[in-house]
Amino acid sequence: MNHPEVNVQVATVESKKYFISGEVLRPGAFPLAVPTRVMEAPIQAGGFLDFAKTKKIYVLRGSTKYNFNYKDVSKEKRQEQNILLENGDTIFVP
């Protein structure tokens, strides 16, 4: 074949991920295929366990720590805490 025609399509993007650990049903790595905010991450992880401290959640991005109060944000307060997640972010639910 001198001039083959080839089509390539990306089925899923799995190279970008965020991590969630602590008091959630399914801790682990989750793909960042679409823009995702902190508020959505615990839902994707199956929800909180009974003793989760939802007012003391934080996101680690490199050496920077972002506090996140799930109860406030769910009541539409302090929405600036609901940041977009970036590749490699780790969310901890104490």
C-alpha atoms as a PDB file:
ATOM      1  CA  MET A   1       0.000   0.000   0.000  1.00  0.00           C
ATOM      2  CA  ASN A   2       1.472   3.269  -1.068  1.00  0.00           C
ATOM      3  CA  HIS A   3      -1.100   5.744   0.283  1.00  0.00           C
ATOM      4  CA  PRO A   4      -3.335   4.087   2.862  1.00  0.00           C
ATOM      5  CA  GLU A   5      -6.150   6.127   4.404  1.00  0.00           C
ATOM      6  CA  VAL A   6      -6.464   5.807   8.175  1.00  0.00           C
ATOM      7  CA  ASN A   7      -9.066   7.283  10.527  1.00  0.00           C
ATOM      8  CA  VAL A   8      -8.353   7.526  14.250  1.00  0.00           C
ATOM      9  CA  GLN A   9     -10.906   8.452  16.920  1.00  0.00           C
ATOM     10  CA  VAL A  10     -10.405   8.839  20.643  1.00  0.00           C
ATOM     11  CA  ALA A  11     -13.064   6.802  22.439  1.00  0.00           C
ATOM     12  CA  THR A  12     -12.284   8.064  25.962  1.00  0.00           C
ATOM     13  CA  VAL A  13      -9.707  10.332  27.521  1.00  0.00           C
ATOM     14  CA  GLU A  14      -8.295   8.635  30.597  1.00  0.00           C
ATOM     15  CA  SER A  15      -4.965  10.366  30.976  1.00  0.00           C
ATOM     16  CA  LYS A  16      -6.336  13.141  33.194  1.00  0.00           C
ATOM     17  CA  LYS A  17      -7.485  12.046  36.648  1.00  0.00           C
ATOM     18  CA  TYR A  18      -8.307  13.284  40.101  1.00  0.00           C
ATOM     19  CA  PHE A  19      -8.228  11.258  43.290  1.00  0.00           C
ATOM     20  CA  ILE A  20     -10.574  11.111  46.245  1.00  0.00           C
ATOM     21  CA  SER A  21      -9.835   9.405  49.550  1.00  0.00           C
ATOM     22  CA  GLY A  22     -11.259   9.202  53.024  1.00  0.00           C
ATOM     23  CA  GLU A  23     -14.879   8.810  54.075  1.00  0.00           C
ATOM     24  CA  VAL A  24     -16.494   8.085  50.691  1.00  0.00           C
ATOM     25  CA  LEU A  25     -18.000   4.837  49.480  1.00  0.00           C
ATOM     26  CA  ARG A  26     -15.563   4.268  46.585  1.00  0.00           C
ATOM     27  CA  PRO A  27     -12.252   6.102  47.091  1.00  0.00           C
ATOM     28  CA  GLY A  28      -9.814   6.044  44.204  1.00  0.00           C
ATOM     29  CA  ALA A  29      -8.921   7.635  40.889  1.00  0.00           C
ATOM     30  CA  PHE A  30     -11.580   9.137  38.626  1.00  0.00           C
ATOM     31  CA  PRO A  31     -11.218  10.390  35.047  1.00  0.00           C
ATOM     32  CA  LEU A  32     -11.342  14.102  34.278  1.00  0.00           C
ATOM     33  CA  ALA A  33     -12.821  13.706  30.803  1.00  0.00           C
ATOM     34  CA  VAL A  34     -15.171  16.679  31.282  1.00  0.00           C
ATOM     35  CA  PRO A  35     -14.893  19.765  33.514  1.00  0.00           C
ATOM     36  CA  THR A  36     -15.658  18.620  37.071  1.00  0.00           C
ATOM     37  CA  ARG A  37     -16.114  20.667  40.234  1.00  0.00           C
ATOM     38  CA  VAL A  38     -15.326  19.576  43.795  1.00  0.00           C
ATOM     39  CA  MET A  39     -19.050  19.282  44.587  1.00  0.00           C
ATOM     40  CA  GLU A  40     -19.446  16.524  41.969  1.00  0.00           C
ATOM     41  CA  ALA A  41     -16.531  14.362  43.121  1.00  0.00           C
ATOM     42  CA  PRO A  42     -18.101  12.769  46.234  1.00  0.00           C
ATOM     43  CA  ILE A  43     -21.177  11.923  44.177  1.00  0.00           C
ATOM     44  CA  GLN A  44     -19.020  10.122  41.617  1.00  0.00           C
ATOM     45  CA  ALA A  45     -17.338   8.294  44.508  1.00  0.00           C
ATOM     46  CA  GLY A  46     -20.688   6.903  45.693  1.00  0.00           C
ATOM     47  CA  GLY A  47     -21.427   9.467  48.387  1.00  0.00           C
ATOM     48  CA  PHE A  48     -20.238  10.032  51.919  1.00  0.00           C
ATOM     49  CA  LEU A  49     -19.902   7.425  54.641  1.00  0.00           C
ATOM     50  CA  ASP A  50     -21.757   7.964  57.930  1.00  0.00           C
ATOM     51  CA  PHE A  51     -18.952   9.711  59.817  1.00  0.00           C
ATOM     52  CA  ALA A  52     -17.643  11.938  57.022  1.00  0.00           C
ATOM     53  CA  LYS A  53     -16.783  15.467  58.158  1.00  0.00           C
ATOM     54  CA  THR A  54     -18.284  17.262  55.186  1.00  0.00           C
ATOM     55  CA  LYS A  55     -17.378  20.703  56.547  1.00  0.00           C
ATOM     56  CA  LYS A  56     -13.658  19.862  56.567  1.00  0.00           C
ATOM     57  CA  ILE A  57     -13.035  18.503  53.059  1.00  0.00           C
ATOM     58  CA  TYR A  58      -9.942  19.782  51.299  1.00  0.00           C
ATOM     59  CA  VAL A  59      -8.307  19.583  47.879  1.00  0.00           C
ATOM     60  CA  LEU A  60      -4.549  19.226  47.509  1.00  0.00           C
ATOM     61  CA  ARG A  61      -3.115  20.660  44.304  1.00  0.00           C
ATOM     62  CA  GLY A  62       0.633  20.354  44.450  1.00  0.00           C
ATOM     63  CA  SER A  63       1.625  22.150  47.646  1.00  0.00           C
ATOM     64  CA  THR A  64      -1.583  24.212  47.779  1.00  0.00           C
ATOM     65  CA  LYS A  65      -4.503  23.236  50.005  1.00  0.00           C
ATOM     66  CA  TYR A  66      -8.059  24.400  49.197  1.00  0.00           C
ATOM     67  CA  ASN A  67     -10.714  24.045  51.900  1.00  0.00           C
ATOM     68  CA  PHE A  68     -14.191  22.922  50.895  1.00  0.00           C
ATOM     69  CA  ASN A  69     -17.314  22.946  53.054  1.00  0.00           C
ATOM     70  CA  TYR A  70     -19.819  20.654  51.332  1.00  0.00           C
ATOM     71  CA  LYS A  71     -22.714  21.763  53.548  1.00  0.00           C
ATOM     72  CA  ASP A  72     -22.194  25.449  52.757  1.00  0.00           C
ATOM     73  CA  VAL A  73     -21.823  24.916  49.018  1.00  0.00           C
ATOM     74  CA  SER A  74     -24.869  22.617  48.895  1.00  0.00           C
ATOM     75  CA  LYS A  75     -26.867  25.465  50.494  1.00  0.00           C
ATOM     76  CA  GLU A  76     -25.548  27.823  47.791  1.00  0.00           C
ATOM     77  CA  LYS A  77     -23.202  29.616  50.180  1.00  0.00           C
ATOM     78  CA  ARG A  78     -19.497  30.225  49.546  1.00  0.00           C
ATOM     79  CA  GLN A  79     -19.631  29.015  45.939  1.00  0.00           C
ATOM     80  CA  GLU A  80     -16.046  30.193  45.377  1.00  0.00           C
ATOM     81  CA  GLN A  81     -14.951  27.007  47.173  1.00  0.00           C
ATOM     82  CA  ASN A  82     -16.444  24.857  44.408  1.00  0.00           C
ATOM     83  CA  ILE A  83     -13.364  25.025  42.186  1.00  0.00           C
ATOM     84  CA  LEU A  84     -12.831  23.151  38.948  1.00  0.00           C
ATOM     85  CA  LEU A  85     -10.660  20.100  39.472  1.00  0.00           C
ATOM     86  CA  GLU A  86      -7.356  19.794  37.630  1.00  0.00           C
ATOM     87  CA  ASN A  87      -5.310  16.783  36.635  1.00  0.00           C
ATOM     88  CA  GLY A  88      -3.673  15.242  39.694  1.00  0.00           C
ATOM     89  CA  ASP A  89      -5.842  16.958  42.331  1.00  0.00           C
ATOM     90  CA  THR A  90      -6.471  14.917  45.467  1.00  0.00           C
ATOM     91  CA  ILE A  91      -9.636  15.399  47.499  1.00  0.00           C
ATOM     92  CA  PHE A  92      -9.604  14.248  51.120  1.00  0.00           C
ATOM     93  CA  VAL A  93     -12.814  13.667  53.071  1.00  0.00           C
ATOM     94  CA  PRO A  94     -11.926  13.266  56.776  1.00  0.00           C
END
